[in-house]
């Protein structure tokens, strides 16, 4: 099974795909079950903790780049119920307008 997983991911990497697993992948079943038992805000806060590691790595590599940190702070405030999603959306849009487009598409839509 481990070899099949490595082969599956290697093929998707070669094909330059950004999503390596389908929603119903057997490799994600345990994680999916755990996440389905949690409320949405708990899952978001957990994801933001993981995202914080990436933001920190970006800050080390690009110390003057503040967009990821600002966007993450706004998203965390939403998850804690402190602001509405519209405020997060507006923050991301403001950052794009002020500093130019990000290399990846914005994930927030209205």
N, C-alpha and C. Protein backbone atom coordinates (compact mmCIF):
# COMPACT_ATOMS: atom_id res chain seq x y z
N UNK A 1 0.83 -1.19 0.00
CA UNK A 1 0.00 0.00 0.00
C UNK A 1 0.88 1.26 0.00
N UNK A 2 1.95 1.25 0.78
CA UNK A 2 2.85 2.41 0.85
C UNK A 2 3.46 2.68 -0.53
N UNK A 3 3.83 1.62 -1.24
CA UNK A 3 4.42 1.78 -2.56
C UNK A 3 3.39 2.38 -3.53
N UNK A 4 2.15 1.91 -3.42
CA UNK A 4 1.09 2.43 -4.28
C UNK A 4 0.89 3.92 -4.03
N UNK A 5 0.95 4.35 -2.78
CA UNK A 5 0.81 5.76 -2.43
C UNK A 5 1.93 6.58 -3.04
N UNK A 6 3.15 6.10 -2.89
CA UNK A 6 4.31 6.82 -3.44
C UNK A 6 4.21 6.91 -4.95
N UNK A 7 3.80 5.79 -5.61
CA UNK A 7 3.65 5.79 -7.07
C UNK A 7 2.56 6.78 -7.51
N UNK A 8 1.44 6.80 -6.77
CA UNK A 8 0.33 7.69 -7.10
C UNK A 8 0.77 9.16 -7.00
N UNK A 9 1.45 9.50 -5.94
CA UNK A 9 1.90 10.88 -5.74
C UNK A 9 2.97 11.24 -6.76
N UNK A 10 3.90 10.34 -7.02
CA UNK A 10 4.97 10.61 -7.99
C UNK A 10 4.39 10.92 -9.37
N UNK A 11 3.37 10.17 -9.77
CA UNK A 11 2.73 10.40 -11.07
C UNK A 11 2.10 11.78 -11.12
N UNK A 12 1.43 12.17 -10.03
CA UNK A 12 0.76 13.48 -10.01
C UNK A 12 1.78 14.62 -9.98
N UNK A 13 2.90 14.40 -9.31
CA UNK A 13 3.97 15.41 -9.30
C UNK A 13 4.54 15.57 -10.71
N UNK A 14 4.79 14.46 -11.39
CA UNK A 14 5.30 14.52 -12.77
C UNK A 14 4.33 15.25 -13.70
N UNK A 15 3.03 15.08 -13.45
CA UNK A 15 2.01 15.73 -14.28
C UNK A 15 1.72 17.15 -13.81
N UNK A 16 2.49 17.62 -12.83
CA UNK A 16 2.39 18.98 -12.29
C UNK A 16 1.01 19.29 -11.71
N UNK A 17 0.41 18.30 -11.10
CA UNK A 17 -0.86 18.52 -10.42
C UNK A 17 -0.60 19.08 -9.04
N UNK A 18 -1.52 19.92 -8.57
CA UNK A 18 -1.36 20.51 -7.25
C UNK A 18 -2.16 19.77 -6.18
N UNK A 19 -3.11 18.96 -6.60
CA UNK A 19 -3.91 18.17 -5.66
C UNK A 19 -3.50 16.72 -5.83
N UNK A 20 -3.00 16.13 -4.76
CA UNK A 20 -2.46 14.78 -4.84
C UNK A 20 -3.44 13.69 -4.45
N UNK A 21 -4.50 14.03 -3.75
CA UNK A 21 -5.46 13.02 -3.30
C UNK A 21 -6.87 13.45 -3.66
N UNK A 22 -7.70 12.50 -3.98
CA UNK A 22 -9.11 12.81 -4.21
C UNK A 22 -9.80 12.92 -2.85
N UNK A 23 -10.98 13.49 -2.86
CA UNK A 23 -11.73 13.69 -1.62
C UNK A 23 -11.99 12.37 -0.90
N UNK A 24 -12.17 11.30 -1.63
CA UNK A 24 -12.50 10.00 -1.04
C UNK A 24 -11.29 9.06 -0.98
N UNK A 25 -10.10 9.59 -1.05
CA UNK A 25 -8.90 8.76 -1.05
C UNK A 25 -8.81 7.94 0.23
N UNK A 26 -8.45 6.65 0.06
CA UNK A 26 -8.30 5.78 1.23
C UNK A 26 -7.18 6.27 2.15
N UNK A 27 -6.24 7.02 1.60
CA UNK A 27 -5.12 7.51 2.38
C UNK A 27 -5.51 8.65 3.31
N UNK A 28 -6.65 9.27 3.03
CA UNK A 28 -7.12 10.38 3.85
C UNK A 28 -8.32 10.01 4.72
N UNK A 29 -8.75 8.75 4.67
CA UNK A 29 -9.96 8.34 5.36
C UNK A 29 -9.92 8.64 6.86
N UNK A 30 -8.85 8.26 7.56
CA UNK A 30 -8.77 8.50 9.00
C UNK A 30 -8.83 9.99 9.33
N UNK A 31 -8.08 10.78 8.57
CA UNK A 31 -8.08 12.22 8.78
C UNK A 31 -9.46 12.80 8.49
N UNK A 32 -10.08 12.34 7.43
CA UNK A 32 -11.41 12.82 7.06
C UNK A 32 -12.43 12.53 8.16
N UNK A 33 -12.37 11.35 8.73
CA UNK A 33 -13.29 10.99 9.82
C UNK A 33 -13.06 11.89 11.03
N UNK A 34 -11.81 12.11 11.38
CA UNK A 34 -11.49 12.97 12.51
C UNK A 34 -12.00 14.39 12.28
N UNK A 35 -11.76 14.92 11.09
CA UNK A 35 -12.19 16.28 10.78
C UNK A 35 -13.71 16.41 10.75
N UNK A 36 -14.39 15.36 10.30
CA UNK A 36 -15.86 15.43 10.23
C UNK A 36 -16.50 15.47 11.61
N UNK A 37 -15.77 15.05 12.62
CA UNK A 37 -16.29 15.07 13.99
C UNK A 37 -16.11 16.43 14.66
N UNK A 38 -15.35 17.32 14.05
CA UNK A 38 -15.05 18.62 14.64
C UNK A 38 -15.95 19.69 14.04
N UNK A 39 -16.13 20.78 14.79
CA UNK A 39 -16.89 21.88 14.19
C UNK A 39 -15.96 22.68 13.26
N UNK A 40 -16.58 23.47 12.42
CA UNK A 40 -15.84 24.19 11.37
C UNK A 40 -14.76 25.11 11.92
N UNK A 41 -15.05 25.83 12.96
CA UNK A 41 -14.06 26.75 13.51
C UNK A 41 -12.85 26.02 14.09
N UNK A 42 -13.10 24.88 14.72
CA UNK A 42 -11.99 24.09 15.27
C UNK A 42 -11.07 23.63 14.15
N UNK A 43 -11.65 23.14 13.06
CA UNK A 43 -10.85 22.69 11.92
C UNK A 43 -10.07 23.86 11.33
N UNK A 44 -10.72 25.01 11.22
CA UNK A 44 -10.03 26.20 10.68
C UNK A 44 -8.86 26.61 11.57
N UNK A 45 -9.07 26.63 12.86
CA UNK A 45 -7.98 27.02 13.77
C UNK A 45 -6.81 26.04 13.67
N UNK A 46 -7.12 24.77 13.54
CA UNK A 46 -6.07 23.76 13.37
C UNK A 46 -5.30 24.03 12.07
N UNK A 47 -6.04 24.29 10.99
CA UNK A 47 -5.41 24.57 9.70
C UNK A 47 -4.55 25.83 9.78
N UNK A 48 -5.03 26.83 10.52
CA UNK A 48 -4.25 28.06 10.65
C UNK A 48 -2.97 27.83 11.43
N UNK A 49 -3.01 26.94 12.41
CA UNK A 49 -1.78 26.61 13.12
C UNK A 49 -0.75 26.01 12.16
N UNK A 50 -1.22 25.14 11.27
CA UNK A 50 -0.32 24.56 10.27
C UNK A 50 0.16 25.62 9.29
N UNK A 51 -0.74 26.50 8.88
CA UNK A 51 -0.37 27.56 7.94
C UNK A 51 0.65 28.51 8.56
N UNK A 52 0.59 28.67 9.86
CA UNK A 52 1.54 29.56 10.55
C UNK A 52 2.98 29.13 10.30
N UNK A 53 3.20 27.82 10.21
CA UNK A 53 4.55 27.33 9.94
C UNK A 53 5.03 27.80 8.56
N UNK A 54 4.14 27.76 7.58
CA UNK A 54 4.51 28.20 6.24
C UNK A 54 4.75 29.71 6.20
N UNK A 55 3.89 30.44 6.89
CA UNK A 55 4.05 31.90 6.94
C UNK A 55 5.38 32.26 7.58
N UNK A 56 5.74 31.54 8.63
CA UNK A 56 7.02 31.78 9.31
C UNK A 56 8.19 31.50 8.35
N UNK A 57 8.11 30.40 7.61
CA UNK A 57 9.16 30.07 6.65
C UNK A 57 9.27 31.14 5.57
N UNK A 58 8.13 31.64 5.10
CA UNK A 58 8.14 32.71 4.10
C UNK A 58 8.75 33.99 4.67
N UNK A 59 8.45 34.28 5.94
CA UNK A 59 8.98 35.49 6.56
C UNK A 59 10.50 35.42 6.68
N UNK A 60 11.02 34.23 6.95
CA UNK A 60 12.47 34.07 7.02
C UNK A 60 13.10 34.27 5.65
N UNK A 61 12.46 33.71 4.61
CA UNK A 61 13.01 33.81 3.26
C UNK A 61 12.78 35.18 2.64
N UNK A 62 11.62 35.78 2.93
CA UNK A 62 11.26 37.09 2.37
C UNK A 62 10.84 38.02 3.51
N UNK A 63 11.78 38.57 4.23
CA UNK A 63 11.46 39.34 5.44
C UNK A 63 10.60 40.58 5.21
N UNK A 64 10.63 41.17 4.03
CA UNK A 64 9.82 42.37 3.80
C UNK A 64 8.41 42.04 3.32
N UNK A 65 8.15 40.80 2.96
CA UNK A 65 6.83 40.38 2.48
C UNK A 65 5.90 40.14 3.67
N UNK A 66 4.86 40.95 3.77
CA UNK A 66 3.96 40.85 4.93
C UNK A 66 2.57 40.32 4.59
N UNK A 67 2.25 40.17 3.29
CA UNK A 67 0.90 39.76 2.90
C UNK A 67 0.44 38.43 3.51
N UNK A 68 1.26 37.38 3.48
CA UNK A 68 0.78 36.13 4.07
C UNK A 68 0.44 36.25 5.55
N UNK A 69 1.26 36.97 6.29
CA UNK A 69 1.03 37.15 7.72
C UNK A 69 -0.25 37.96 7.99
N UNK A 70 -0.45 39.02 7.23
CA UNK A 70 -1.65 39.85 7.40
C UNK A 70 -2.91 39.04 7.07
N UNK A 71 -2.87 38.31 5.96
CA UNK A 71 -4.02 37.51 5.56
C UNK A 71 -4.32 36.42 6.59
N UNK A 72 -3.28 35.78 7.10
CA UNK A 72 -3.48 34.73 8.10
C UNK A 72 -4.07 35.29 9.39
N UNK A 73 -3.59 36.46 9.81
CA UNK A 73 -4.15 37.09 11.02
C UNK A 73 -5.62 37.41 10.84
N UNK A 74 -6.00 37.89 9.67
CA UNK A 74 -7.41 38.20 9.41
C UNK A 74 -8.24 36.93 9.41
N UNK A 75 -7.74 35.88 8.80
CA UNK A 75 -8.47 34.61 8.76
C UNK A 75 -8.63 34.02 10.15
N UNK A 76 -7.60 34.13 10.97
CA UNK A 76 -7.69 33.64 12.35
C UNK A 76 -8.73 34.43 13.15
N UNK A 77 -8.77 35.73 12.94
CA UNK A 77 -9.76 36.56 13.62
C UNK A 77 -11.17 36.14 13.22
N UNK A 78 -11.35 35.78 11.94
CA UNK A 78 -12.66 35.28 11.49
C UNK A 78 -13.00 33.98 12.21
N UNK A 79 -12.04 33.07 12.27
CA UNK A 79 -12.29 31.77 12.89
C UNK A 79 -12.63 31.90 14.37
N UNK A 80 -12.09 32.92 15.02
CA UNK A 80 -12.42 33.15 16.43
C UNK A 80 -13.73 33.90 16.59
N UNK A 81 -14.34 34.29 15.48
CA UNK A 81 -15.62 35.00 15.53
C UNK A 81 -15.48 36.49 15.77
N UNK A 82 -14.28 37.02 15.61
CA UNK A 82 -14.03 38.43 15.89
C UNK A 82 -14.40 39.33 14.71
N UNK A 83 -14.33 38.82 13.49
CA UNK A 83 -14.69 39.60 12.31
C UNK A 83 -15.49 38.71 11.36
N UNK A 84 -16.17 39.33 10.42
CA UNK A 84 -16.95 38.59 9.42
C UNK A 84 -16.04 38.22 8.24
N UNK A 85 -16.43 37.18 7.49
CA UNK A 85 -15.64 36.74 6.35
C UNK A 85 -15.44 37.86 5.34
N UNK A 86 -16.41 38.73 5.21
CA UNK A 86 -16.27 39.85 4.29
C UNK A 86 -15.03 40.69 4.63
N UNK A 87 -14.75 40.86 5.91
CA UNK A 87 -13.57 41.63 6.32
C UNK A 87 -12.29 40.92 5.89
N UNK A 88 -12.27 39.60 5.98
CA UNK A 88 -11.10 38.84 5.53
C UNK A 88 -10.94 39.00 4.02
N UNK A 89 -12.05 38.86 3.31
CA UNK A 89 -12.04 39.01 1.86
C UNK A 89 -11.51 40.39 1.47
N UNK A 90 -12.02 41.43 2.13
CA UNK A 90 -11.58 42.79 1.83
C UNK A 90 -10.10 42.99 2.14
N UNK A 91 -9.62 42.36 3.21
CA UNK A 91 -8.20 42.44 3.56
C UNK A 91 -7.35 41.85 2.45
N UNK A 92 -7.72 40.67 1.98
CA UNK A 92 -6.96 40.01 0.91
C UNK A 92 -7.00 40.85 -0.37
N UNK A 93 -8.17 41.36 -0.71
CA UNK A 93 -8.30 42.18 -1.91
C UNK A 93 -7.47 43.46 -1.79
N UNK A 94 -7.47 44.09 -0.61
CA UNK A 94 -6.67 45.29 -0.39
C UNK A 94 -5.18 44.98 -0.57
N UNK A 95 -4.74 43.85 -0.03
CA UNK A 95 -3.34 43.48 -0.16
C UNK A 95 -2.97 43.25 -1.62
N UNK A 96 -3.86 42.63 -2.37
CA UNK A 96 -3.57 42.41 -3.79
C UNK A 96 -3.53 43.73 -4.56
N UNK A 97 -4.46 44.62 -4.24
CA UNK A 97 -4.48 45.90 -4.94
C UNK A 97 -3.24 46.72 -4.62
N UNK A 98 -2.86 46.72 -3.36
CA UNK A 98 -1.73 47.53 -2.92
C UNK A 98 -0.39 46.97 -3.41
N UNK A 99 -0.24 45.65 -3.35
CA UNK A 99 1.06 45.05 -3.64
C UNK A 99 1.11 44.23 -4.91
N UNK A 100 0.01 44.13 -5.62
CA UNK A 100 -0.01 43.33 -6.85
C UNK A 100 -0.53 41.93 -6.60
N UNK A 101 -0.78 41.26 -7.67
CA UNK A 101 -1.36 39.92 -7.59
C UNK A 101 -0.41 38.94 -6.93
N UNK A 102 -1.02 37.99 -6.26
CA UNK A 102 -0.26 36.87 -5.73
C UNK A 102 -0.02 35.89 -6.86
N UNK A 103 0.93 35.03 -6.72
CA UNK A 103 1.21 34.05 -7.78
C UNK A 103 0.15 32.97 -7.84
N UNK A 104 -0.60 32.80 -6.78
CA UNK A 104 -1.67 31.80 -6.79
C UNK A 104 -3.00 32.51 -6.69
N UNK A 105 -4.08 31.92 -7.15
CA UNK A 105 -5.37 32.59 -7.11
C UNK A 105 -5.88 32.78 -5.69
N UNK A 106 -6.66 33.80 -5.50
CA UNK A 106 -7.27 34.06 -4.20
C UNK A 106 -8.29 32.97 -3.93
N UNK A 107 -8.30 32.45 -2.72
CA UNK A 107 -9.20 31.35 -2.37
C UNK A 107 -10.52 31.85 -1.81
N UNK A 108 -10.61 33.12 -1.48
CA UNK A 108 -11.82 33.67 -0.91
C UNK A 108 -12.70 34.23 -2.02
N UNK A 109 -13.95 33.84 -2.03
CA UNK A 109 -14.89 34.38 -2.99
C UNK A 109 -16.13 34.83 -2.26
N UNK A 110 -16.84 35.76 -2.85
CA UNK A 110 -18.08 36.22 -2.22
C UNK A 110 -19.26 35.63 -2.92
